[in-house]
């Protein structure tokens, strides 16, 4: 098999500088040594992006640059690996999942918690695991390989800044776990309806706002002025808000009535948002807000950016937020 690696930046290829970690490692030489003498030696190519970034600086423009490069190289390889920083890797994998439902070749995103030059780094096992997953001959679309697990690309959230198993898919099992042999999940997650010929990602004004005990209507209103294109509201539990707080529900209602989709997620690591399950959440449903089901925050944010980039109106965005496009939603 032919596997094409796209190197976008991230800790994996960084070196120590007087201003902290920055890109600079000989990643291509390291990769050549890593696969030398194996069945991968003649089948792996690597392309480094001209602008290597810390993923904290990634934007939807960078998501689209990766997507464009994957399409440009689609006929050159049977599978693809994207090397990426860990901070926003889950956002990128979700964004790729929505945009690449018609790509029909596996794309595995990976990186590392330590640079490749550090003794004991997780760079080598993550890259070789991603290569092996990409070459497995299975149709899983976009995935993340990290810490000995292959996870569905639109179901992933970062859980640790230091653990080698730094990502999790809290609502569904992993696709596979390494071993001799690998253990592949038999849990069937609907792949979604897909999206034909999606428009490119564009930057969208989508704030993510956390509620906290004691938040006032004035503070929430100030955060929503001027009105954004959409808003993600991270509520309590299954989608509850302090509904007794004077004026708070009115702010949300007026936001929705102004044509701004309000999508409600949970602050819980593992959740299934059900607006109206409690009285404190019913006010949100009555106001016209949309629950995010069991989507992780990264998928919710990427999906909103994806839908808004398709130039949909507020009602259409709300409809599609509740529709499984890329396996992001049960």
Protein backbone atom coordinates (compact mmCIF):
# COMPACT_ATOMS: atom_id res chain seq x y z
CA UNK A 1 0.00 0.00 0.00
CA UNK A 2 0.96 3.61 -0.55
CA UNK A 3 0.56 5.96 2.42
CA UNK A 4 1.00 9.72 2.13
CA UNK A 5 1.91 11.64 5.29
CA UNK A 6 1.05 15.33 5.59
CA UNK A 7 3.08 17.14 8.23
CA UNK A 8 1.29 20.29 9.43
CA UNK A 9 3.29 21.02 12.60
CA UNK A 10 2.81 20.25 16.26
CA UNK A 11 4.91 19.05 19.18
CA UNK A 12 6.05 15.93 17.32
CA UNK A 13 8.45 17.90 15.11
CA UNK A 14 9.49 20.61 17.57
CA UNK A 15 12.84 21.37 19.20
CA UNK A 16 13.81 23.45 22.22
CA UNK A 17 14.56 27.11 21.50
CA UNK A 18 15.17 30.10 23.75
CA UNK A 19 11.48 30.97 23.27
CA UNK A 20 10.17 27.48 23.99
CA UNK A 21 9.31 24.58 21.68
CA UNK A 22 9.15 25.46 17.97
CA UNK A 23 9.23 23.53 14.67
CA UNK A 24 12.73 22.51 13.62
CA UNK A 25 13.28 18.74 13.90
CA UNK A 26 14.40 16.67 10.91
CA UNK A 27 11.09 14.86 10.71
CA UNK A 28 11.66 13.43 7.24
CA UNK A 29 14.99 11.90 8.24
CA UNK A 30 13.49 10.54 11.44
CA UNK A 31 10.59 8.97 9.54
CA UNK A 32 12.97 7.35 7.03
CA UNK A 33 14.92 5.76 9.88
CA UNK A 34 11.68 4.71 11.59
CA UNK A 35 10.39 2.67 8.64
CA UNK A 36 13.76 1.50 7.25
CA UNK A 37 13.84 -2.24 6.73
CA UNK A 38 10.08 -2.64 7.19
CA UNK A 39 7.28 -3.24 4.72
CA UNK A 40 6.64 0.52 4.86
CA UNK A 41 10.05 1.56 3.57
CA UNK A 42 9.08 1.98 -0.08
CA UNK A 43 5.42 2.87 0.37
CA UNK A 44 5.48 5.99 2.54
CA UNK A 45 5.92 9.56 1.33
CA UNK A 46 5.85 12.74 3.39
CA UNK A 47 4.87 16.30 2.50
CA UNK A 48 5.66 19.13 4.89
CA UNK A 49 3.43 22.17 4.86
CA UNK A 50 5.31 25.38 4.12
CA UNK A 51 3.80 26.99 7.20
CA UNK A 52 4.24 24.67 10.18
CA UNK A 53 2.16 25.75 13.14
CA UNK A 54 1.50 25.07 16.78
CA UNK A 55 -2.06 23.77 16.57
CA UNK A 56 -3.18 26.40 19.08
CA UNK A 57 -2.89 28.79 16.13
CA UNK A 58 -5.00 26.62 13.80
CA UNK A 59 -8.12 28.17 12.24
CA UNK A 60 -10.78 26.91 9.82
CA UNK A 61 -8.49 28.21 7.07
CA UNK A 62 -5.92 25.61 8.17
CA UNK A 63 -8.58 22.89 8.21
CA UNK A 64 -9.35 23.76 4.61
CA UNK A 65 -5.67 23.78 3.64
CA UNK A 66 -5.38 20.18 4.89
CA UNK A 67 -8.57 19.18 3.06
CA UNK A 68 -7.35 20.77 -0.18
CA UNK A 69 -3.99 18.98 0.10
CA UNK A 70 -5.68 15.63 0.74
CA UNK A 71 -7.81 16.04 -2.38
CA UNK A 72 -4.79 17.11 -4.44
CA UNK A 73 -2.94 13.95 -3.44
CA UNK A 74 -5.90 11.57 -3.38
CA UNK A 75 -4.81 9.52 -6.40
CA UNK A 76 -1.19 9.29 -5.21
CA UNK A 77 -1.89 7.07 -2.20
CA UNK A 78 -4.25 4.46 -0.77
CA UNK A 79 -4.38 6.07 2.68
CA UNK A 80 -3.26 9.22 4.45
CA UNK A 81 -1.75 10.21 7.79
CA UNK A 82 -1.90 13.81 9.05
CA UNK A 83 0.68 14.85 11.65
CA UNK A 84 -0.85 17.58 13.80
CA UNK A 85 -0.46 19.27 17.17
CA UNK A 86 -2.48 17.85 20.04
CA UNK A 87 -4.09 21.04 21.37
CA UNK A 88 -6.70 21.32 18.61
CA UNK A 89 -6.30 17.90 16.98
CA UNK A 90 -9.85 16.88 17.92
CA UNK A 91 -11.27 20.03 16.30
CA UNK A 92 -9.33 19.31 13.11
CA UNK A 93 -10.29 15.63 12.97
CA UNK A 94 -13.98 16.54 13.34
CA UNK A 95 -13.67 19.23 10.66
CA UNK A 96 -12.04 16.75 8.28
CA UNK A 97 -14.74 14.18 9.03
CA UNK A 98 -17.54 16.54 7.93
CA UNK A 99 -15.76 17.72 4.80
CA UNK A 100 -14.43 14.33 3.63
CA UNK A 101 -17.49 12.07 3.71
CA UNK A 102 -16.98 11.52 -0.02
CA UNK A 103 -13.19 11.03 0.11
CA UNK A 104 -13.45 7.23 0.40
CA UNK A 105 -9.91 6.67 1.66
CA UNK A 106 -8.77 6.39 5.29
CA UNK A 107 -7.32 9.50 6.91
CA UNK A 108 -5.60 9.06 10.28
CA UNK A 109 -4.60 12.09 12.35
CA UNK A 110 -1.87 11.74 14.97
CA UNK A 111 0.88 13.60 16.82
CA UNK A 112 2.63 13.28 20.15
CA UNK A 113 2.84 14.68 23.66
CA UNK A 114 6.67 14.77 23.47
CA UNK A 115 8.88 15.86 20.55
CA UNK A 116 10.38 13.03 18.50
CA UNK A 117 13.89 13.79 19.83
CA UNK A 118 13.01 13.27 23.49
CA UNK A 119 13.99 9.92 25.01
CA UNK A 120 10.79 7.99 25.73
CA UNK A 121 8.69 10.09 23.35
CA UNK A 122 5.35 8.73 22.18
CA UNK A 123 6.09 9.98 18.65
CA UNK A 124 7.27 6.65 17.22
CA UNK A 125 4.43 4.45 18.54
CA UNK A 126 1.82 7.00 17.49
CA UNK A 127 3.17 7.39 13.95
CA UNK A 128 3.71 3.66 13.39
CA UNK A 129 0.26 2.97 14.85
CA UNK A 130 -1.31 5.56 12.55
CA UNK A 131 0.47 4.02 9.56
CA UNK A 132 -0.69 0.55 10.50
CA UNK A 133 -4.28 1.76 10.96
CA UNK A 134 -4.17 3.51 7.60
CA UNK A 135 -2.93 0.30 5.95
CA UNK A 136 -5.45 -1.98 7.64
CA UNK A 137 -7.74 -2.05 4.61
CA UNK A 138 -10.75 -0.89 6.63
CA UNK A 139 -13.23 1.83 5.74
CA UNK A 140 -13.48 4.15 8.75
CA UNK A 141 -13.19 7.58 7.14
CA UNK A 142 -11.33 10.01 9.41
CA UNK A 143 -9.85 8.81 12.70
CA UNK A 144 -7.33 9.77 15.37
CA UNK A 145 -4.66 7.32 16.46
CA UNK A 146 -3.17 8.15 19.83
CA UNK A 147 -2.01 6.24 22.89
CA UNK A 148 -2.54 2.78 21.35
CA UNK A 149 -6.15 3.55 20.36
CA UNK A 150 -7.82 4.33 17.05
CA UNK A 151 -10.75 6.69 17.69
CA UNK A 152 -13.54 7.93 15.41
CA UNK A 153 -12.60 11.35 14.07
CA UNK A 154 -15.85 13.14 14.91
CA UNK A 155 -16.14 11.59 18.37
CA UNK A 156 -12.86 12.64 19.98
CA UNK A 157 -11.97 15.04 22.76
CA UNK A 158 -8.61 15.80 24.35
CA UNK A 159 -8.50 14.65 27.96
CA UNK A 160 -4.90 15.15 29.09
CA UNK A 161 -1.98 17.47 28.44
CA UNK A 162 0.57 14.90 29.60
CA UNK A 163 -0.77 11.32 29.46
CA UNK A 164 0.25 9.25 26.45
CA UNK A 165 -3.40 8.24 26.16
CA UNK A 166 -4.38 11.87 25.77
CA UNK A 167 -7.66 11.50 23.84
CA UNK A 168 -10.95 9.74 24.40
CA UNK A 169 -14.26 9.13 22.66
CA UNK A 170 -16.55 9.30 25.69
CA UNK A 171 -19.81 8.29 24.03
CA UNK A 172 -18.69 5.42 21.77
CA UNK A 173 -15.99 2.72 21.96
CA UNK A 174 -12.68 3.03 20.16
CA UNK A 175 -12.38 1.71 16.60
CA UNK A 176 -9.39 -0.43 17.52
CA UNK A 177 -6.81 -1.02 20.22
CA UNK A 178 -3.25 -2.11 19.51
CA UNK A 179 -2.11 -5.61 20.40
CA UNK A 180 -0.92 -8.83 18.85
CA UNK A 181 -3.22 -8.86 16.95
CA UNK A 182 -5.03 -5.54 17.02
CA UNK A 183 -8.48 -5.69 18.57
CA UNK A 184 -11.09 -4.09 16.29
CA UNK A 185 -14.40 -2.96 17.75
CA UNK A 186 -17.59 -4.72 16.69
CA UNK A 187 -19.67 -1.77 17.88
CA UNK A 188 -21.49 -0.36 14.86
CA UNK A 189 -21.68 3.44 14.80
CA UNK A 190 -23.85 4.87 12.00
CA UNK A 191 -21.56 6.65 9.55
CA UNK A 192 -24.06 9.40 8.78
CA UNK A 193 -25.71 10.67 5.62
CA UNK A 194 -22.63 12.44 4.28
CA UNK A 195 -22.48 15.74 2.41
CA UNK A 196 -22.11 16.06 -1.35
CA UNK A 197 -19.66 18.63 -2.72
CA UNK A 198 -19.24 20.74 0.44
CA UNK A 199 -18.19 24.38 0.17
CA UNK A 200 -14.82 25.23 1.74
CA UNK A 201 -14.52 26.15 5.40
CA UNK A 202 -14.53 29.87 6.12
CA UNK A 203 -13.96 31.56 9.43
CA UNK A 204 -17.23 32.01 11.30
CA UNK A 205 -18.07 34.03 14.40
CA UNK A 206 -19.10 31.21 16.76
CA UNK A 207 -18.34 31.86 20.44
CA UNK A 208 -18.36 29.03 22.97
CA UNK A 209 -19.80 30.26 26.27
CA UNK A 210 -19.67 28.41 29.59
CA UNK A 211 -22.43 28.97 32.12
CA UNK A 212 -21.56 29.10 35.81
CA UNK A 213 -23.60 29.49 38.99
CA UNK A 214 -24.51 33.14 39.45
CA UNK A 215 -24.16 34.25 35.82
CA UNK A 216 -26.42 37.22 35.09
CA UNK A 217 -28.51 38.07 32.07
CA UNK A 218 -26.48 41.25 31.56
CA UNK A 219 -23.22 39.29 31.38
CA UNK A 220 -24.64 36.80 28.88
CA UNK A 221 -26.13 39.62 26.79
CA UNK A 222 -22.78 41.43 26.76
CA UNK A 223 -21.03 38.27 25.53
CA UNK A 224 -23.53 38.07 22.66
CA UNK A 225 -23.10 41.66 21.50
CA UNK A 226 -22.63 42.14 18.64
CA UNK A 227 -24.62 39.11 17.57
CA UNK A 228 -22.48 36.20 16.30
CA UNK A 229 -23.35 33.84 13.43
CA UNK A 230 -24.16 31.11 16.00
CA UNK A 231 -23.37 30.35 19.62
CA UNK A 232 -22.45 27.24 21.57
CA UNK A 233 -23.81 27.38 25.11
CA UNK A 234 -22.14 24.92 27.49
CA UNK A 235 -24.84 24.23 30.07
CA UNK A 236 -25.08 21.93 33.08
CA UNK A 237 -25.86 18.20 33.00
CA UNK A 238 -28.21 17.22 30.18
CA UNK A 239 -28.67 20.84 29.11
CA UNK A 240 -29.89 22.76 32.12
CA UNK A 241 -29.46 26.48 32.82
CA UNK A 242 -30.14 28.72 35.83
CA UNK A 243 -33.66 29.36 34.52
CA UNK A 244 -34.68 31.28 37.65
CA UNK A 245 -32.06 33.96 36.94
CA UNK A 246 -34.06 37.08 35.93
CA UNK A 247 -33.86 37.80 32.21
CA UNK A 248 -31.48 34.97 31.31
CA UNK A 249 -33.98 32.99 29.23
CA UNK A 250 -35.10 36.24 27.58
CA UNK A 251 -31.55 36.83 26.33
CA UNK A 252 -31.45 33.37 24.75
CA UNK A 253 -34.94 33.77 23.26
CA UNK A 254 -34.11 37.12 21.69
CA UNK A 255 -30.86 35.70 20.29
CA UNK A 256 -32.71 32.86 18.57
CA UNK A 257 -35.42 35.24 17.31
CA UNK A 258 -32.66 37.37 15.77
CA UNK A 259 -31.72 34.44 13.53
CA UNK A 260 -28.74 33.17 15.54
CA UNK A 261 -28.70 29.40 16.14
CA UNK A 262 -28.08 28.58 19.82
CA UNK A 263 -26.66 25.08 20.29
CA UNK A 264 -26.56 23.65 23.79
CA UNK A 265 -23.83 21.25 24.91
CA UNK A 266 -22.95 19.90 28.32
CA UNK A 267 -20.01 20.70 30.55
CA UNK A 268 -19.86 16.99 31.41
CA UNK A 269 -17.16 14.91 29.76
CA UNK A 270 -19.76 12.27 28.88
CA UNK A 271 -23.29 13.46 28.23
CA UNK A 272 -26.40 13.20 26.10
CA UNK A 273 -28.04 16.63 25.98
CA UNK A 274 -31.84 16.38 26.27
CA UNK A 275 -33.46 19.78 26.46
CA UNK A 276 -36.64 19.60 28.50
CA UNK A 277 -35.68 16.52 30.51
CA UNK A 278 -35.68 18.87 33.51
CA UNK A 279 -37.67 22.05 34.00
CA UNK A 280 -34.38 24.00 34.05
CA UNK A 281 -33.70 22.84 30.49
CA UNK A 282 -37.23 23.15 29.17
CA UNK A 283 -36.82 26.91 29.02
CA UNK A 284 -34.04 26.46 26.47
CA UNK A 285 -36.16 24.22 24.26
CA UNK A 286 -39.05 26.68 24.48
CA UNK A 287 -36.68 29.49 23.51
CA UNK A 288 -35.74 27.63 20.31
CA UNK A 289 -32.28 26.44 21.29
CA UNK A 290 -31.02 23.14 19.85
CA UNK A 291 -29.53 20.30 21.88
CA UNK A 292 -26.30 18.65 20.74
CA UNK A 293 -27.19 15.06 21.74
CA UNK A 294 -24.02 13.09 22.54
CA UNK A 295 -21.67 15.13 20.36
CA UNK A 296 -18.38 16.25 21.90
CA UNK A 297 -17.72 19.99 21.98
CA UNK A 298 -15.07 19.78 19.25
CA UNK A 299 -17.54 18.14 16.87
CA UNK A 300 -20.26 20.67 17.72
CA UNK A 301 -17.95 23.59 17.00
CA UNK A 302 -16.57 22.10 13.77
CA UNK A 303 -20.06 21.14 12.61
CA UNK A 304 -21.41 24.65 13.16
CA UNK A 305 -18.49 26.08 11.19
CA UNK A 306 -19.11 23.52 8.45
CA UNK A 307 -22.83 24.26 8.18
CA UNK A 308 -22.39 28.03 8.26
CA UNK A 309 -19.77 27.72 5.52
CA UNK A 310 -22.49 26.10 3.37
CA UNK A 311 -24.46 29.39 3.59
CA UNK A 312 -27.45 27.79 5.31
CA UNK A 313 -29.99 29.89 7.15
CA UNK A 314 -30.64 29.54 10.88
CA UNK A 315 -33.48 27.03 10.52
CA UNK A 316 -31.42 24.85 8.19
CA UNK A 317 -28.44 24.97 10.57
CA UNK A 318 -30.67 23.93 13.47
CA UNK A 319 -32.07 21.05 11.42
CA UNK A 320 -28.66 19.74 10.39
CA UNK A 321 -27.25 20.04 13.90
CA UNK A 322 -29.65 17.26 14.83
CA UNK A 323 -28.78 15.12 11.79
CA UNK A 324 -25.93 12.63 11.76
CA UNK A 325 -23.59 13.68 8.91
CA UNK A 326 -20.26 11.99 9.68
CA UNK A 327 -20.86 9.64 12.59
CA UNK A 328 -20.72 12.48 15.12
CA UNK A 329 -24.17 11.84 16.60
CA UNK A 330 -25.99 8.76 17.86
